[in-house]
Amino acid sequence: MSTKQCSDCSGSYPDDVDGPSRRLAALVSWPAAPLTDSLVRRALTDIGQVEISPSLPTLPLSSKLLQWAAYDTIDHSLTVTEPNRVLSSAYTIRKALIRKHFFARCTRSYILKHPQSVLATSVPRTWDIEMSFAHELDELWHDELWDLGEELETSPGRWYILKPGMADAGMGIRLFNSKDTLREIFEEFEGHSDDEEAESCDTFVITSQLRHFVIQEYVANPLLIDPREFLPGSHVKATERLRGRKFHLRTYVVASGVLRVYMYRRMLALFSCEPYDFPRRGNNESSISLLPHLTNTSLQSRRGEEGVRLFDELIGHHILSGIEGNINLLEPDIADIREQMAQILADVFKAATEQAIHFQPLPNAFELYGVDFLVSHVPSGSHGPRFQVNILEVNAEPAIELTGPRLTWILEDLFKSIQVVCIAPFADGVSDQIDSWKVGEVRHNMQKCLDMQVRGAMGW
């Protein structure tokens, strides 16, 4: 088939645009994420005729357009006005998922309406507040934070974690266990020195520019594992030399249309850079080392294989939390944790659909999220499973480049799966295989977690 160059973009169009199969043009642009850009382009090579352009092309009426690009690059109005011809890689409105304070309100509302939901036990207790200056706490203790204030005064052994509602990369995260410490944290944000910023693990924020914060009850009994155990080249073998580190699970989740949710089965375990220790103050009364507690990859002082592992690679590792003795993480444990995650994800997206103002799925859109979970270790003798999964947050445009070169292959597989599940049915106009995919079933390393019709969704 002969082609002709498009004068409005770097792509080209076939001469016979009125042929039996409509062409697919693709906008691919990730200015701040070159690895994502490369992965998208590689995934699209499995589709027959597709012309890729870094800018929005002008299409013949018989062509389809795929916008697989950064959120700010996508023409969202085109997504809404051309639902039959345009497929985009982000929902236009999804604050209920990706903003921490909106997410807290979303899940809290859902739990109140559905007290039997798995979210009732898998979302840490959360308070969301809006403030700019430390003195505003005086009023909050009598209003939004009155029950938290009661707990701080009667249960000093409990710890809580403060997170800015719209910051990422671990910025602004702090631990506290008293009213005075929380006030000192906000005073630190108001007026800091260069030394204070350096001491805070590069997580300083300016409170007056953020305003929205969430406070969560700190999960003090995380599952602990030494990621060096069985690591190639490591000589750490003996149990007595192992030191447990905290980690969270980064799970890639794809939402498609209105609404199907898929969980990518090859998930990552992201470890803190120091062995875990229960929160305690340093010599400075308001100073608490965050290094044993923060597992965000962008904050680690040492990166590489030691801090980023596949979850499946931890099978057989010694569990270093709890007092049960010499026990290991087994394959059934990982299967149980995965199943808990799938159930949580289903209810999280159900909760979001009940927030019609802040989450609006579209039939001609899909989106990749990085969802973070923390696994806590339930002591022996307790009823139910020995591990409890807690959802921490949902991230749009996850920083996949922090995965590291050793595990880039799973990202290639992930984006190929997205192409098969989300792009191919749009390009080919055939969705029989997707329609027959049952909830719980695994295909292309994706487990379907949810399949529902969101009534009132635009275009449905």
Protein backbone atom coordinates (compact mmCIF):
# COMPACT_ATOMS: atom_id res chain seq x y z
CA MET A 1 0.00 0.00 0.00
CA SER A 2 1.41 3.40 -0.94
CA THR A 3 1.52 6.20 1.62
CA LYS A 4 1.57 9.96 1.54
CA GLN A 5 3.09 12.37 4.05
CA CYS A 6 0.75 14.32 6.31
CA SER A 7 1.50 18.05 6.15
CA ASP A 8 0.33 18.59 9.75
CA CYS A 9 2.45 15.94 11.49
CA SER A 10 5.45 13.68 11.18
CA GLY A 11 3.33 10.64 10.30
CA SER A 12 1.95 9.47 6.96
CA TYR A 13 -1.40 8.32 5.66
CA PRO A 14 -2.29 5.62 3.12
CA ASP A 15 -3.74 6.73 -0.19
CA ASP A 16 -6.75 4.43 0.05
CA VAL A 17 -8.21 5.72 3.32
CA ASP A 18 -11.59 4.45 2.18
CA GLY A 19 -10.38 0.82 2.19
CA PRO A 20 -12.05 -1.91 4.22
CA SER A 21 -9.97 -1.34 7.39
CA ARG A 22 -9.68 2.08 8.90
CA ARG A 23 -6.15 3.28 9.64
CA LEU A 24 -4.81 3.95 13.10
CA ALA A 25 -2.78 7.04 13.88
CA ALA A 26 -1.13 7.37 17.28
CA LEU A 27 -0.12 10.40 19.30
CA VAL A 28 2.79 9.25 21.48
CA SER A 29 4.39 11.95 23.61
CA TRP A 30 5.99 11.58 27.05
CA PRO A 31 8.28 14.61 27.40
CA ALA A 32 9.28 13.85 31.00
CA ALA A 33 9.29 10.04 30.72
CA PRO A 34 11.55 8.79 27.92
CA LEU A 35 11.35 5.17 29.11
CA THR A 36 7.56 5.25 28.95
CA ASP A 37 7.76 6.78 25.47
CA SER A 38 10.05 3.97 24.35
CA LEU A 39 7.84 1.26 25.88
CA VAL A 40 4.71 2.63 24.21
CA ARG A 41 6.36 2.78 20.80
CA ARG A 42 7.69 -0.75 21.20
CA ALA A 43 4.27 -2.06 22.21
CA LEU A 44 2.67 -0.48 19.15
CA THR A 45 4.98 -2.34 16.78
CA ASP A 46 2.77 -5.40 17.27
CA ILE A 47 -0.11 -3.57 15.59
CA GLY A 48 -0.13 -3.68 11.82
CA GLN A 49 -0.54 -0.28 10.25
CA VAL A 50 -0.07 2.48 12.78
CA GLU A 51 1.54 5.85 12.16
CA ILE A 52 3.14 7.33 15.28
CA SER A 53 3.52 11.07 15.75
CA PRO A 54 4.80 13.18 18.67
CA SER A 55 2.15 15.81 17.91
CA LEU A 56 -1.58 15.62 17.31
CA PRO A 57 -2.23 14.73 13.65
CA THR A 58 -5.10 15.91 11.49
CA LEU A 59 -7.05 12.78 10.61
CA PRO A 60 -9.16 11.80 7.62
CA LEU A 61 -12.72 10.98 8.65
CA SER A 62 -12.08 7.29 8.02
CA SER A 63 -9.13 7.08 10.46
CA LYS A 64 -8.93 6.26 14.13
CA LEU A 65 -6.72 8.06 16.61
CA LEU A 66 -4.94 6.61 19.62
CA GLN A 67 -3.69 9.15 22.16
CA TRP A 68 -1.21 7.14 24.26
CA ALA A 69 0.51 10.11 25.83
CA ALA A 70 1.09 12.09 29.01
CA TYR A 71 -2.08 13.53 30.54
CA ASP A 72 -1.20 17.14 29.67
CA THR A 73 -0.44 16.20 26.06
CA ILE A 74 -3.78 14.51 25.37
CA ASP A 75 -6.54 16.49 23.67
CA HIS A 76 -9.28 15.64 26.19
CA SER A 77 -11.98 17.51 24.30
CA LEU A 78 -11.31 15.24 21.32
CA THR A 79 -11.75 12.22 23.58
CA VAL A 80 -15.21 13.44 24.57
CA THR A 81 -16.43 14.63 21.16
CA GLU A 82 -15.11 11.70 19.07
CA PRO A 83 -15.86 8.58 21.15
CA ASN A 84 -16.06 6.28 18.13
CA ARG A 85 -12.80 7.36 16.55
CA VAL A 86 -10.53 8.31 19.46
CA LEU A 87 -9.04 6.21 22.26
CA SER A 88 -7.06 7.98 24.99
CA SER A 89 -4.72 6.74 27.72
CA ALA A 90 -6.18 8.75 30.60
CA TYR A 91 -9.56 9.52 32.04
CA THR A 92 -10.08 13.25 32.12
CA ILE A 93 -11.45 13.35 35.67
CA ARG A 94 -10.09 10.89 38.26
CA LYS A 95 -9.28 12.92 41.36
CA ALA A 96 -11.23 10.50 43.54
CA LEU A 97 -8.43 8.01 42.93
CA ILE A 98 -5.18 9.92 42.57
CA ARG A 99 -5.48 12.77 45.11
CA LYS A 100 -4.87 11.53 48.62
CA HIS A 101 -7.49 13.71 50.31
CA PHE A 102 -10.11 12.92 47.66
CA PHE A 103 -9.23 9.23 47.93
CA ALA A 104 -9.70 9.35 51.70
CA ARG A 105 -13.16 10.91 51.35
CA CYS A 106 -14.08 8.49 48.56
CA THR A 107 -13.21 5.34 50.52
CA ARG A 108 -14.67 6.67 53.78
CA SER A 109 -17.99 7.40 52.08
CA TYR A 110 -18.05 3.95 50.49
CA ILE A 111 -17.33 2.19 53.78
CA LEU A 112 -20.17 4.07 55.48
CA LYS A 113 -22.58 2.90 52.75
CA HIS A 114 -21.10 -0.60 52.49
CA PRO A 115 -19.80 -1.57 55.95
CA GLN A 116 -19.14 -5.15 54.81
CA SER A 117 -16.73 -3.97 52.10
CA VAL A 118 -13.17 -5.25 52.24
CA LEU A 119 -12.15 -1.58 52.42
CA ALA A 120 -13.37 -1.46 56.02
CA THR A 121 -10.29 -3.44 57.06
CA SER A 122 -7.84 -2.56 54.28
CA VAL A 123 -7.80 1.26 54.37
CA PRO A 124 -5.88 2.72 57.32
CA ARG A 125 -7.97 5.14 59.39
CA THR A 126 -7.54 8.52 57.76
CA TRP A 127 -8.30 12.15 58.54
CA ASP A 128 -8.16 14.79 55.80
CA ILE A 129 -7.54 18.41 56.72
CA GLU A 130 -7.03 21.73 54.99
CA MET A 131 -4.61 24.19 56.57
CA SER A 132 -1.69 26.47 55.80
CA PHE A 133 -0.23 27.47 59.17
CA ALA A 134 0.53 25.69 62.43
CA HIS A 135 -1.78 27.87 64.53
CA GLU A 136 -4.78 26.55 62.60
CA LEU A 137 -4.36 23.26 64.46
CA ASP A 138 -5.93 24.87 67.54
CA GLU A 139 -9.29 25.01 65.79
CA LEU A 140 -8.91 21.61 64.10
CA TRP A 141 -8.44 19.84 67.44
CA HIS A 142 -11.99 20.95 68.28
CA ASP A 143 -13.42 20.02 64.89
CA GLU A 144 -12.09 17.61 62.22
CA LEU A 145 -9.34 16.23 64.47
CA TRP A 146 -11.14 16.00 67.79
CA ASP A 147 -11.11 12.16 67.89
CA LEU A 148 -7.47 12.06 66.81
CA GLY A 149 -6.66 14.49 69.61
CA GLU A 150 -8.37 12.19 72.10
CA GLU A 151 -6.29 9.25 70.91
CA LEU A 152 -3.05 11.19 71.08
CA GLU A 153 -3.74 12.09 74.71
CA THR A 154 -4.93 8.64 75.82
CA SER A 155 -2.79 6.32 73.66
CA PRO A 156 0.72 7.80 73.39
CA GLY A 157 2.09 4.55 72.00
CA ARG A 158 0.24 4.98 68.70
CA TRP A 159 1.92 6.66 65.78
CA TYR A 160 0.46 8.51 62.81
CA ILE A 161 1.76 9.55 59.42
CA LEU A 162 1.19 12.94 57.77
CA LYS A 163 1.05 13.15 53.96
CA PRO A 164 0.38 16.14 51.68
CA GLY A 165 -2.71 15.49 49.59
CA MET A 166 -1.17 16.48 46.25
CA ALA A 167 2.57 15.90 46.65
CA ASP A 168 4.39 12.84 45.37
CA ALA A 169 7.81 11.14 45.64
CA GLY A 170 7.41 11.02 49.42
CA MET A 171 7.53 14.80 49.80
CA GLY A 172 6.19 16.14 53.09
CA ILE A 173 5.74 12.77 54.79
CA ARG A 174 6.27 12.90 58.57
CA LEU A 175 5.63 10.67 61.58
CA PHE A 176 4.22 11.92 64.90
CA ASN A 177 2.64 10.64 68.09
CA SER A 178 1.60 13.83 69.92
CA LYS A 179 -0.14 17.13 69.33
CA ASP A 180 3.06 19.01 70.05
CA THR A 181 5.03 17.04 67.48
CA LEU A 182 2.43 17.67 64.78
CA ARG A 183 2.57 21.39 65.53
CA GLU A 184 6.37 21.31 65.33
CA ILE A 185 6.15 19.63 61.93
CA PHE A 186 3.96 22.39 60.51
CA GLU A 187 6.18 25.03 62.08
CA GLU A 188 9.13 23.37 60.36
CA PHE A 189 7.31 23.61 57.02
CA GLU A 190 6.56 27.30 57.64
CA GLY A 191 10.12 28.37 58.36
CA HIS A 192 13.01 26.10 57.55
CA SER A 193 16.75 26.41 57.05
CA ASP A 194 18.90 24.63 54.50
CA ASP A 195 20.22 22.38 57.29
CA GLU A 196 16.70 21.40 58.32
CA GLU A 197 15.81 20.56 54.75
CA ALA A 198 18.86 18.33 54.45
CA GLU A 199 18.03 16.57 57.70
CA SER A 200 14.49 15.78 56.55
CA CYS A 201 15.54 13.26 53.89
CA ASP A 202 14.80 15.79 51.12
CA THR A 203 11.07 15.66 51.82
CA PHE A 204 10.48 19.31 52.70
CA VAL A 205 7.30 21.00 51.47
CA ILE A 206 5.85 24.49 51.76
CA THR A 207 2.57 24.14 53.64
CA SER A 208 0.95 27.31 52.32
CA GLN A 209 1.34 26.02 48.73
CA LEU A 210 -0.34 22.69 49.46
CA ARG A 211 -3.06 23.22 52.10
CA HIS A 212 -4.53 19.71 51.76
CA PHE A 213 -3.14 16.96 54.00
CA VAL A 214 -4.13 13.51 55.17
CA ILE A 215 -3.24 11.88 58.46
CA GLN A 216 -3.24 8.10 58.62
CA GLU A 217 -2.85 5.70 61.48
CA TYR A 218 0.63 4.24 61.09
CA VAL A 219 0.70 0.49 60.37
CA ALA A 220 3.23 -0.53 63.00
CA ASN A 221 3.47 -4.27 62.26
CA PRO A 222 4.58 -4.47 58.61
CA LEU A 223 5.74 -7.70 57.05
CA LEU A 224 9.54 -7.56 57.26
CA ILE A 225 12.00 -9.33 54.96
CA ASP A 226 15.68 -8.89 54.20
CA PRO A 227 15.87 -8.32 50.43
CA ARG A 228 19.54 -9.37 50.41
CA GLU A 229 18.66 -12.97 51.22
CA PHE A 230 19.29 -15.17 48.16
CA LEU A 231 20.19 -12.08 46.11
CA PRO A 232 22.81 -13.05 43.50
CA GLY A 233 26.24 -12.02 44.74
CA SER A 234 25.08 -11.58 48.34
CA HIS A 235 26.68 -13.61 51.14
CA VAL A 236 23.84 -13.03 53.60
CA LYS A 237 22.49 -16.51 54.23
CA ALA A 238 22.28 -17.16 57.96
CA THR A 239 19.05 -16.25 59.70
CA GLU A 240 20.83 -14.53 62.57
CA ARG A 241 22.50 -12.12 60.13
CA LEU A 242 19.29 -11.10 58.41
CA ARG A 243 17.75 -7.72 59.21
CA GLY A 244 14.13 -7.13 58.31
CA ARG A 245 13.23 -4.18 56.15
CA LYS A 246 9.87 -2.64 55.49
CA PHE A 247 8.57 -2.72 51.93
CA HIS A 248 5.46 -1.88 49.99
CA LEU A 249 4.07 -3.57 46.91
CA ARG A 250 3.81 -1.54 43.72
CA THR A 251 1.08 -3.03 41.55
CA TYR A 252 0.35 -1.86 38.03
CA VAL A 253 -3.37 -1.58 37.42
CA VAL A 254 -5.16 -0.82 34.15
CA ALA A 255 -8.67 0.60 34.08
CA SER A 256 -10.48 0.45 30.74
CA GLY A 257 -13.77 1.85 29.51
CA VAL A 258 -16.76 2.04 31.88
CA LEU A 259 -15.50 -0.06 33.59
CA ARG A 260 -13.05 -2.95 33.56
CA VAL A 261 -10.11 -3.15 35.95
CA TYR A 262 -7.06 -5.39 35.49
CA MET A 263 -4.22 -6.08 37.92
CA TYR A 264 -0.82 -6.88 36.42
CA ARG A 265 0.42 -9.98 38.21
CA ARG A 266 4.15 -9.20 38.13
CA MET A 267 4.29 -6.79 41.05
CA LEU A 268 7.27 -5.12 42.68
CA ALA A 269 8.43 -5.10 46.29
CA LEU A 270 10.07 -1.74 47.06
CA PHE A 271 12.21 -1.76 50.21
CA SER A 272 13.36 0.92 52.63
CA CYS A 273 17.10 1.56 52.63
CA GLU A 274 17.53 0.89 56.37
CA PRO A 275 16.38 -2.01 58.59
CA TYR A 276 13.01 -1.45 60.24
CA ASP A 277 12.71 -0.12 63.75
CA PHE A 278 9.60 0.98 65.58
CA PRO A 279 9.25 4.78 65.32
CA ARG A 280 11.28 6.59 67.94
CA ARG A 281 12.57 10.11 68.36
CA GLY A 282 16.16 11.16 67.82
CA ASN A 283 18.21 13.50 70.00
CA ASN A 284 16.14 16.35 68.67
CA GLU A 285 12.72 15.76 70.22
CA SER A 286 10.87 16.51 66.97
CA SER A 287 13.36 14.67 64.75
CA ILE A 288 12.42 11.15 63.66
CA SER A 289 14.49 9.25 61.11
CA LEU A 290 12.29 8.38 58.15
CA LEU A 291 14.75 6.04 56.45
CA PRO A 292 13.51 2.81 58.07
CA HIS A 293 9.90 3.74 57.33
CA LEU A 294 9.79 5.28 53.83
CA THR A 295 9.80 2.80 50.98
CA ASN A 296 9.36 5.26 48.11
CA THR A 297 12.04 4.37 45.57
CA SER A 298 12.82 7.98 44.69
CA LEU A 299 13.99 8.65 48.27
CA GLN A 300 16.39 5.75 48.70
CA SER A 301 20.03 6.64 49.23
CA ARG A 302 21.07 3.31 47.68
CA ARG A 303 19.25 2.03 44.61
CA GLY A 304 19.47 -1.09 42.53
CA GLU A 305 18.67 -4.75 42.90
CA GLU A 306 18.75 -4.68 46.69
CA GLY A 307 15.86 -2.24 47.00
CA VAL A 308 13.63 -3.34 44.11
CA ARG A 309 12.56 -6.96 43.85
CA LEU A 310 9.83 -8.91 42.14
CA PHE A 311 7.32 -10.07 44.72
CA ASP A 312 7.69 -13.64 43.46
CA GLU A 313 11.44 -13.45 44.12
CA LEU A 314 10.69 -13.27 47.86
CA ILE A 315 9.26 -16.80 48.00
CA GLY A 316 11.33 -18.74 50.53
CA HIS A 317 12.68 -15.64 52.31
CA HIS A 318 12.58 -15.63 56.10
CA ILE A 319 9.81 -13.57 57.67
CA LEU A 320 11.52 -11.30 60.18
CA SER A 321 8.44 -9.74 61.74
CA GLY A 322 6.39 -11.32 64.51
CA ILE A 323 7.57 -13.85 67.07
CA GLU A 324 6.56 -17.11 65.43
CA GLY A 325 10.15 -18.19 64.96
CA ASN A 326 11.85 -19.55 61.87
CA ILE A 327 9.17 -19.27 59.16
CA ASN A 328 9.32 -18.40 55.49
CA LEU A 329 7.17 -16.59 52.96
CA LEU A 330 5.52 -19.30 50.90
CA GLU A 331 3.82 -19.38 47.52
CA PRO A 332 0.33 -19.77 49.10
CA ASP A 333 1.06 -16.63 51.14
CA ILE A 334 1.74 -14.65 47.98
CA ALA A 335 -1.37 -16.08 46.33
CA ASP A 336 -3.47 -14.98 49.33
CA ILE A 337 -1.94 -11.50 49.28
CA ARG A 338 -2.62 -11.18 45.56
CA GLU A 339 -6.25 -12.21 46.03
CA GLN A 340 -6.71 -9.63 48.80
CA MET A 341 -5.27 -6.98 46.49
CA ALA A 342 -7.66 -7.92 43.68
CA GLN A 343 -10.66 -7.64 46.02
CA ILE A 344 -9.47 -4.30 47.36
CA LEU A 345 -8.97 -2.91 43.85
CA ALA A 346 -12.49 -3.95 42.83
CA ASP A 347 -14.03 -2.06 45.74
CA VAL A 348 -11.74 0.94 45.32
CA PHE A 349 -12.98 1.46 41.77
CA LYS A 350 -16.56 0.79 42.82
CA ALA A 351 -16.09 3.49 45.46
CA ALA A 352 -14.72 5.89 42.86
CA THR A 353 -17.72 5.37 40.57
CA GLU A 354 -19.96 6.59 43.40
CA GLN A 355 -18.08 9.90 43.32
CA ALA A 356 -19.47 11.00 39.97
CA ILE A 357 -18.02 14.51 40.21
CA HIS A 358 -14.48 13.35 40.91
CA PHE A 359 -14.26 10.16 38.82
CA GLN A 360 -15.78 9.99 35.36
CA PRO A 361 -14.81 6.92 33.34
CA LEU A 362 -15.16 7.13 29.58
CA PRO A 363 -15.92 4.26 27.19
CA ASN A 364 -13.06 5.30 24.88
CA ALA A 365 -10.32 5.71 27.50
CA PHE A 366 -8.01 3.56 29.56
CA GLU A 367 -5.39 4.39 32.17
CA LEU A 368 -2.39 2.84 33.86
CA TYR A 369 -2.05 3.39 37.61
CA GLY A 370 0.66 2.46 40.08
CA VAL A 371 -1.14 1.28 43.22
CA ASP A 372 0.77 0.92 46.48
CA PHE A 373 -0.09 -1.67 49.11
CA LEU A 374 1.43 -2.42 52.51
CA VAL A 375 1.28 -5.92 53.95
CA SER A 376 1.05 -6.20 57.74
CA HIS A 377 1.92 -9.33 59.69
CA VAL A 378 -0.93 -10.69 61.81
CA PRO A 379 0.43 -12.54 64.90
CA SER A 380 -0.21 -16.26 65.15
CA GLY A 381 -3.34 -17.18 67.05
CA SER A 382 -5.42 -14.47 65.36
CA HIS A 383 -8.43 -15.47 63.30
CA GLY A 384 -8.21 -15.22 59.53
CA PRO A 385 -5.13 -14.98 57.26
CA ARG A 386 -1.74 -14.27 58.75
CA PHE A 387 -1.24 -11.27 56.46
CA GLN A 388 -3.43 -8.19 56.08
CA VAL A 389 -3.16 -6.08 52.94
CA ASN A 390 -3.64 -2.31 53.24
CA ILE A 391 -4.00 0.03 50.29
CA LEU A 392 -1.91 3.19 50.60
CA GLU A 393 -2.49 5.23 47.45
CA VAL A 394 -3.18 5.28 43.73
CA ASN A 395 -0.73 7.05 41.41
CA ALA A 396 -1.36 8.24 37.87
CA GLU A 397 1.56 8.16 35.42
CA PRO A 398 3.67 6.07 37.83
CA ALA A 399 7.44 6.64 37.78
CA ILE A 400 8.26 3.33 36.11
CA GLU A 401 11.85 4.37 35.35
CA LEU A 402 12.67 3.80 39.04
CA THR A 403 12.13 0.07 38.51
CA GLY A 404 15.76 -0.17 37.40
CA PRO A 405 17.44 -1.92 34.45
CA ARG A 406 17.30 -5.44 35.91
CA LEU A 407 13.50 -5.54 35.78
CA THR A 408 12.82 -3.45 32.69
CA TRP A 409 11.62 -6.64 31.01
CA ILE A 410 8.47 -6.69 33.16
CA LEU A 411 7.65 -3.18 31.96
CA GLU A 412 8.00 -4.31 28.36
CA ASP A 413 5.62 -7.17 29.12
CA LEU A 414 3.22 -4.81 30.92
CA PHE A 415 2.94 -2.40 28.00
CA LYS A 416 2.54 -5.25 25.56
CA SER A 417 -0.33 -6.52 27.71
CA ILE A 418 -1.93 -3.07 27.69
CA GLN A 419 -1.69 -3.05 23.91
CA VAL A 420 -3.40 -6.44 23.67
CA VAL A 421 -6.12 -5.69 26.23
CA CYS A 422 -6.90 -2.03 25.47
CA ILE A 423 -5.50 -1.04 22.07
CA ALA A 424 -6.00 -4.08 19.83
CA PRO A 425 -9.81 -4.27 20.30
CA PHE A 426 -10.05 -0.58 19.38
CA ALA A 427 -7.76 -0.90 16.37
CA ASP A 428 -9.39 -4.08 15.07
CA GLY A 429 -12.95 -3.26 16.05
CA VAL A 430 -13.28 -6.72 17.65
CA SER A 431 -13.67 -7.22 21.40
CA ASP A 432 -14.97 -10.80 21.65
CA GLN A 433 -11.99 -12.06 23.65
CA ILE A 434 -12.22 -9.15 26.09
CA ASP A 435 -15.98 -9.56 26.48
CA SER A 436 -15.60 -13.25 27.38
CA TRP A 437 -12.93 -12.56 30.01
CA LYS A 438 -14.34 -13.43 33.45
CA VAL A 439 -13.54 -11.64 36.71
CA GLY A 440 -10.72 -13.48 38.47
CA GLU A 441 -9.39 -14.95 35.24
CA VAL A 442 -5.77 -14.27 34.24
CA ARG A 443 -4.78 -13.54 30.66
CA HIS A 444 -1.65 -11.81 29.36
CA ASN A 445 -0.38 -11.66 32.97
CA MET A 446 -3.42 -9.51 33.80
CA GLN A 447 -6.05 -10.55 36.33
CA LYS A 448 -9.48 -9.06 35.77
CA CYS A 449 -10.65 -7.60 39.08
CA LEU A 450 -13.82 -5.78 38.06
CA ASP A 451 -16.25 -5.74 35.15
CA MET A 452 -19.22 -3.42 35.59
CA GLN A 453 -21.35 -0.93 33.70
CA VAL A 454 -21.24 2.54 35.20
CA ARG A 455 -24.67 4.00 34.59
CA GLY A 456 -24.65 7.65 33.72
CA ALA A 457 -21.07 7.49 32.42
CA MET A 458 -20.54 9.71 29.40
CA GLY A 459 -21.16 7.82 26.18
CA TRP A 460 -22.86 4.84 27.82
